[in-house]
Amino acid sequence: MAINVENTKAQMRKGILEYCILSILSREDSYAPKIIAELKAAEMIVVEGTLYPILTRQKNLGLLTYRWEESPQGPPRKYYSLTPEGREALAQLDASWDELVGQIDTIRGRK
């Protein structure tokens, strides 16, 4: 039986999506369609149906807050921003990511 590479890649992306969202919001406050565009530009393909539950979960955990802002065109936009707790969680995830990359590099013989 062969490994399903596409499925494994999808699972890897799914596992780091929350981290990526916090990273995007650490640079500037943003709204969902812009977050999706940034993820797509980085080839972390995601759809609105995937993003909104993550944003809601992160908000409920106290990692994010939001505010409504008038839009130059169309309805008001919900802008998300990191809370102090979100910044702390991101710092912990940054450290975990660096550790994980180092471990994988060791396993792959690159260290």
N, C-alpha and C. Protein backbone atom coordinates (compact mmCIF):
# COMPACT_ATOMS: atom_id res chain seq x y z
N MET A 1 0.85 -1.19 0.00
CA MET A 1 0.00 0.00 0.00
C MET A 1 0.89 1.25 0.00
N ALA A 2 0.65 2.16 -0.92
CA ALA A 2 1.46 3.37 -1.05
C ALA A 2 0.87 4.50 -0.21
N ILE A 3 1.74 5.38 0.24
CA ILE A 3 1.29 6.55 1.00
C ILE A 3 0.56 7.50 0.06
N ASN A 4 -0.51 8.08 0.55
CA ASN A 4 -1.25 9.08 -0.22
C ASN A 4 -0.60 10.44 0.09
N VAL A 5 0.33 10.84 -0.78
CA VAL A 5 1.12 12.05 -0.54
C VAL A 5 0.23 13.29 -0.44
N GLU A 6 -0.76 13.40 -1.33
CA GLU A 6 -1.63 14.58 -1.29
C GLU A 6 -2.39 14.66 0.02
N ASN A 7 -2.88 13.53 0.51
CA ASN A 7 -3.59 13.52 1.78
C ASN A 7 -2.65 13.91 2.93
N THR A 8 -1.44 13.39 2.91
CA THR A 8 -0.47 13.71 3.95
C THR A 8 -0.14 15.20 3.92
N LYS A 9 0.05 15.75 2.72
CA LYS A 9 0.33 17.18 2.59
C LYS A 9 -0.84 18.01 3.13
N ALA A 10 -2.06 17.59 2.82
CA ALA A 10 -3.24 18.31 3.30
C ALA A 10 -3.31 18.28 4.82
N GLN A 11 -3.00 17.13 5.42
CA GLN A 11 -3.01 17.01 6.87
C GLN A 11 -1.93 17.89 7.51
N MET A 12 -0.77 17.97 6.88
CA MET A 12 0.31 18.82 7.38
C MET A 12 -0.12 20.29 7.35
N ARG A 13 -0.72 20.71 6.23
CA ARG A 13 -1.20 22.10 6.11
C ARG A 13 -2.26 22.39 7.16
N LYS A 14 -3.19 21.46 7.31
CA LYS A 14 -4.28 21.65 8.28
C LYS A 14 -3.72 21.82 9.69
N GLY A 15 -2.68 21.07 9.99
CA GLY A 15 -2.09 21.12 11.32
C GLY A 15 -1.43 22.44 11.65
N ILE A 16 -1.00 23.18 10.63
CA ILE A 16 -0.31 24.45 10.91
C ILE A 16 -1.12 25.68 10.51
N LEU A 17 -2.35 25.47 10.08
CA LEU A 17 -3.19 26.58 9.64
C LEU A 17 -3.44 27.59 10.76
N GLU A 18 -3.74 27.12 11.97
CA GLU A 18 -4.00 28.04 13.08
C GLU A 18 -2.76 28.88 13.37
N TYR A 19 -1.60 28.26 13.30
CA TYR A 19 -0.33 28.97 13.49
C TYR A 19 -0.16 30.03 12.41
N CYS A 20 -0.44 29.69 11.17
CA CYS A 20 -0.31 30.63 10.06
C CYS A 20 -1.24 31.84 10.24
N ILE A 21 -2.45 31.59 10.68
CA ILE A 21 -3.42 32.68 10.88
C ILE A 21 -2.92 33.63 11.96
N LEU A 22 -2.44 33.09 13.07
CA LEU A 22 -1.90 33.95 14.13
C LEU A 22 -0.70 34.75 13.60
N SER A 23 0.13 34.12 12.78
CA SER A 23 1.30 34.81 12.21
C SER A 23 0.88 35.97 11.33
N ILE A 24 -0.12 35.75 10.49
CA ILE A 24 -0.62 36.82 9.62
C ILE A 24 -1.14 37.98 10.46
N LEU A 25 -1.92 37.66 11.48
CA LEU A 25 -2.51 38.71 12.31
C LEU A 25 -1.49 39.40 13.21
N SER A 26 -0.31 38.80 13.39
CA SER A 26 0.72 39.44 14.20
C SER A 26 1.32 40.63 13.46
N ARG A 27 1.24 40.62 12.13
CA ARG A 27 1.80 41.71 11.32
C ARG A 27 0.86 42.90 11.26
N GLU A 28 -0.44 42.61 11.11
CA GLU A 28 -1.45 43.68 11.07
C GLU A 28 -2.83 43.07 11.24
N ASP A 29 -3.75 43.89 11.72
CA ASP A 29 -5.14 43.45 11.82
C ASP A 29 -5.63 43.16 10.40
N SER A 30 -6.55 42.21 10.29
CA SER A 30 -7.01 41.84 8.96
C SER A 30 -8.42 41.28 9.01
N TYR A 31 -9.03 41.16 7.84
CA TYR A 31 -10.37 40.60 7.72
C TYR A 31 -10.29 39.30 6.91
N ALA A 32 -11.30 38.46 7.04
CA ALA A 32 -11.25 37.10 6.52
C ALA A 32 -10.84 36.99 5.04
N PRO A 33 -11.47 37.70 4.11
CA PRO A 33 -11.06 37.53 2.70
C PRO A 33 -9.58 37.87 2.47
N LYS A 34 -9.05 38.85 3.19
CA LYS A 34 -7.64 39.20 3.03
C LYS A 34 -6.75 38.10 3.62
N ILE A 35 -7.16 37.51 4.74
CA ILE A 35 -6.40 36.39 5.33
C ILE A 35 -6.37 35.22 4.35
N ILE A 36 -7.53 34.93 3.76
CA ILE A 36 -7.60 33.84 2.77
C ILE A 36 -6.68 34.14 1.59
N ALA A 37 -6.66 35.38 1.12
CA ALA A 37 -5.80 35.75 -0.01
C ALA A 37 -4.33 35.55 0.35
N GLU A 38 -3.94 35.91 1.57
CA GLU A 38 -2.54 35.71 1.99
C GLU A 38 -2.20 34.23 2.06
N LEU A 39 -3.10 33.43 2.58
CA LEU A 39 -2.86 31.99 2.66
C LEU A 39 -2.76 31.38 1.26
N LYS A 40 -3.63 31.82 0.36
CA LYS A 40 -3.58 31.31 -1.02
C LYS A 40 -2.30 31.73 -1.71
N ALA A 41 -1.86 32.98 -1.47
CA ALA A 41 -0.63 33.46 -2.10
C ALA A 41 0.57 32.62 -1.65
N ALA A 42 0.50 32.09 -0.43
CA ALA A 42 1.57 31.24 0.09
C ALA A 42 1.33 29.77 -0.26
N GLU A 43 0.31 29.52 -1.09
CA GLU A 43 -0.07 28.17 -1.51
C GLU A 43 -0.54 27.30 -0.35
N MET A 44 -1.07 27.95 0.68
CA MET A 44 -1.74 27.25 1.79
C MET A 44 -3.24 27.35 1.47
N ILE A 45 -3.67 26.61 0.48
CA ILE A 45 -5.02 26.75 -0.04
C ILE A 45 -6.04 26.54 1.08
N VAL A 46 -6.95 27.49 1.18
CA VAL A 46 -7.97 27.43 2.22
C VAL A 46 -9.22 28.13 1.68
N VAL A 47 -10.37 27.70 2.16
CA VAL A 47 -11.63 28.30 1.74
C VAL A 47 -12.29 28.92 2.97
N GLU A 48 -13.26 29.80 2.72
CA GLU A 48 -13.92 30.48 3.83
C GLU A 48 -14.49 29.50 4.84
N GLY A 49 -15.03 28.39 4.36
CA GLY A 49 -15.62 27.40 5.26
C GLY A 49 -14.62 26.78 6.21
N THR A 50 -13.34 26.86 5.87
CA THR A 50 -12.27 26.37 6.74
C THR A 50 -11.83 27.47 7.69
N LEU A 51 -11.75 28.70 7.19
CA LEU A 51 -11.19 29.80 7.98
C LEU A 51 -12.10 30.24 9.12
N TYR A 52 -13.38 30.43 8.85
CA TYR A 52 -14.27 31.00 9.86
C TYR A 52 -14.34 30.18 11.15
N PRO A 53 -14.43 28.85 11.08
CA PRO A 53 -14.44 28.09 12.35
C PRO A 53 -13.15 28.27 13.14
N ILE A 54 -12.02 28.39 12.45
CA ILE A 54 -10.75 28.60 13.15
C ILE A 54 -10.74 29.97 13.81
N LEU A 55 -11.17 31.00 13.09
CA LEU A 55 -11.22 32.34 13.68
C LEU A 55 -12.15 32.37 14.89
N THR A 56 -13.29 31.71 14.79
CA THR A 56 -14.22 31.66 15.91
C THR A 56 -13.62 30.93 17.10
N ARG A 57 -12.96 29.81 16.85
CA ARG A 57 -12.32 29.05 17.93
C ARG A 57 -11.22 29.88 18.60
N GLN A 58 -10.40 30.56 17.78
CA GLN A 58 -9.33 31.38 18.35
C GLN A 58 -9.90 32.55 19.14
N LYS A 59 -11.01 33.12 18.68
CA LYS A 59 -11.66 34.21 19.42
C LYS A 59 -12.19 33.68 20.74
N ASN A 60 -12.84 32.52 20.71
CA ASN A 60 -13.40 31.94 21.93
C ASN A 60 -12.32 31.55 22.94
N LEU A 61 -11.12 31.25 22.45
CA LEU A 61 -10.00 30.94 23.33
C LEU A 61 -9.32 32.19 23.88
N GLY A 62 -9.77 33.36 23.42
CA GLY A 62 -9.20 34.61 23.88
C GLY A 62 -7.93 35.02 23.14
N LEU A 63 -7.65 34.36 22.00
CA LEU A 63 -6.44 34.68 21.24
C LEU A 63 -6.65 35.86 20.29
N LEU A 64 -7.90 36.06 19.89
CA LEU A 64 -8.25 37.12 18.95
C LEU A 64 -9.39 37.96 19.50
N THR A 65 -9.46 39.16 19.00
CA THR A 65 -10.62 40.01 19.19
C THR A 65 -10.96 40.58 17.82
N TYR A 66 -12.09 41.23 17.72
CA TYR A 66 -12.43 41.83 16.42
C TYR A 66 -13.18 43.13 16.62
N ARG A 67 -13.21 43.91 15.55
CA ARG A 67 -13.96 45.15 15.51
C ARG A 67 -14.55 45.28 14.11
N TRP A 68 -15.63 46.02 14.00
CA TRP A 68 -16.23 46.28 12.69
C TRP A 68 -15.71 47.61 12.16
N GLU A 69 -15.37 47.65 10.88
CA GLU A 69 -14.93 48.89 10.23
C GLU A 69 -15.69 49.06 8.93
N GLU A 70 -16.03 50.31 8.65
CA GLU A 70 -16.68 50.60 7.37
C GLU A 70 -15.72 50.24 6.24
N SER A 71 -16.29 49.77 5.15
CA SER A 71 -15.50 49.38 3.98
C SER A 71 -15.66 50.45 2.90
N PRO A 72 -14.58 50.70 2.12
CA PRO A 72 -14.71 51.66 1.01
C PRO A 72 -15.79 51.22 0.02
N GLN A 73 -15.95 49.91 -0.12
CA GLN A 73 -17.04 49.40 -0.96
C GLN A 73 -17.66 48.20 -0.26
N GLY A 74 -18.99 48.14 -0.30
CA GLY A 74 -19.67 47.01 0.31
C GLY A 74 -19.93 47.20 1.80
N PRO A 75 -20.32 46.09 2.45
CA PRO A 75 -20.69 46.16 3.87
C PRO A 75 -19.47 46.34 4.78
N PRO A 76 -19.71 46.68 6.05
CA PRO A 76 -18.59 46.80 7.00
C PRO A 76 -17.83 45.48 7.09
N ARG A 77 -16.54 45.59 7.45
CA ARG A 77 -15.68 44.41 7.55
C ARG A 77 -15.34 44.14 9.01
N LYS A 78 -15.27 42.86 9.32
CA LYS A 78 -14.86 42.43 10.66
C LYS A 78 -13.35 42.25 10.64
N TYR A 79 -12.64 43.15 11.33
CA TYR A 79 -11.19 43.08 11.42
C TYR A 79 -10.78 42.33 12.68
N TYR A 80 -9.94 41.31 12.50
CA TYR A 80 -9.44 40.52 13.62
C TYR A 80 -8.07 41.05 14.04
N SER A 81 -7.81 40.96 15.34
CA SER A 81 -6.49 41.33 15.85
C SER A 81 -6.13 40.39 16.99
N LEU A 82 -4.82 40.26 17.21
CA LEU A 82 -4.34 39.40 18.29
C LEU A 82 -4.51 40.09 19.63
N THR A 83 -4.87 39.32 20.63
CA THR A 83 -4.89 39.80 22.01
C THR A 83 -3.50 39.54 22.59
N PRO A 84 -3.21 40.05 23.78
CA PRO A 84 -1.94 39.70 24.42
C PRO A 84 -1.78 38.18 24.57
N GLU A 85 -2.88 37.49 24.86
CA GLU A 85 -2.84 36.02 24.96
C GLU A 85 -2.52 35.39 23.61
N GLY A 86 -3.03 35.99 22.54
CA GLY A 86 -2.74 35.50 21.20
C GLY A 86 -1.27 35.70 20.85
N ARG A 87 -0.70 36.80 21.25
CA ARG A 87 0.72 37.05 20.99
C ARG A 87 1.59 36.07 21.78
N GLU A 88 1.19 35.76 23.00
CA GLU A 88 1.94 34.78 23.80
C GLU A 88 1.83 33.38 23.17
N ALA A 89 0.63 33.02 22.73
CA ALA A 89 0.44 31.72 22.08
C ALA A 89 1.30 31.64 20.82
N LEU A 90 1.34 32.73 20.05
CA LEU A 90 2.15 32.76 18.83
C LEU A 90 3.63 32.60 19.17
N ALA A 91 4.09 33.26 20.21
CA ALA A 91 5.50 33.12 20.62
C ALA A 91 5.83 31.67 20.96
N GLN A 92 4.91 31.00 21.65
CA GLN A 92 5.12 29.59 21.98
C GLN A 92 5.12 28.73 20.72
N LEU A 93 4.22 29.03 19.79
CA LEU A 93 4.18 28.26 18.54
C LEU A 93 5.42 28.52 17.69
N ASP A 94 5.93 29.76 17.70
CA ASP A 94 7.17 30.06 16.98
C ASP A 94 8.31 29.19 17.52
N ALA A 95 8.41 29.11 18.84
CA ALA A 95 9.47 28.29 19.45
C ALA A 95 9.28 26.82 19.10
N SER A 96 8.03 26.35 19.14
CA SER A 96 7.75 24.96 18.81
C SER A 96 8.08 24.67 17.35
N TRP A 97 7.75 25.61 16.46
CA TRP A 97 8.04 25.44 15.04
C TRP A 97 9.55 25.33 14.81
N ASP A 98 10.31 26.25 15.42
CA ASP A 98 11.76 26.21 15.26
C ASP A 98 12.34 24.88 15.77
N GLU A 99 11.81 24.40 16.89
CA GLU A 99 12.26 23.13 17.45
C GLU A 99 11.93 21.98 16.49
N LEU A 100 10.71 21.99 15.96
CA LEU A 100 10.28 20.93 15.05
C LEU A 100 11.12 20.91 13.77
N VAL A 101 11.37 22.09 13.20
CA VAL A 101 12.19 22.17 11.99
C VAL A 101 13.59 21.63 12.28
N GLY A 102 14.15 21.98 13.43
CA GLY A 102 15.46 21.46 13.81
C GLY A 102 15.45 19.95 13.94
N GLN A 103 14.41 19.41 14.53
CA GLN A 103 14.30 17.96 14.68
C GLN A 103 14.21 17.28 13.32
N ILE A 104 13.41 17.84 12.43
CA ILE A 104 13.27 17.24 11.09
C ILE A 104 14.59 17.34 10.33
N ASP A 105 15.27 18.49 10.45
CA ASP A 105 16.58 18.64 9.79
C ASP A 105 17.55 17.59 10.31
N THR A 106 17.53 17.33 11.61
CA THR A 106 18.40 16.29 12.19
C THR A 106 18.07 14.93 11.60
N ILE A 107 16.80 14.61 11.55
CA ILE A 107 16.37 13.31 11.01
C ILE A 107 16.77 13.18 9.53
N ARG A 108 16.67 14.27 8.80
CA ARG A 108 16.98 14.24 7.37
C ARG A 108 18.49 14.37 7.12
N GLY A 109 19.29 14.50 8.17
CA GLY A 109 20.72 14.57 8.02
C GLY A 109 21.24 15.92 7.57
N ARG A 110 20.48 16.96 7.82
CA ARG A 110 20.89 18.31 7.38
C ARG A 110 21.55 19.11 8.49
N LYS A 111 21.71 18.51 9.65
CA LYS A 111 22.32 19.22 10.78
C LYS A 111 23.62 18.61 11.14
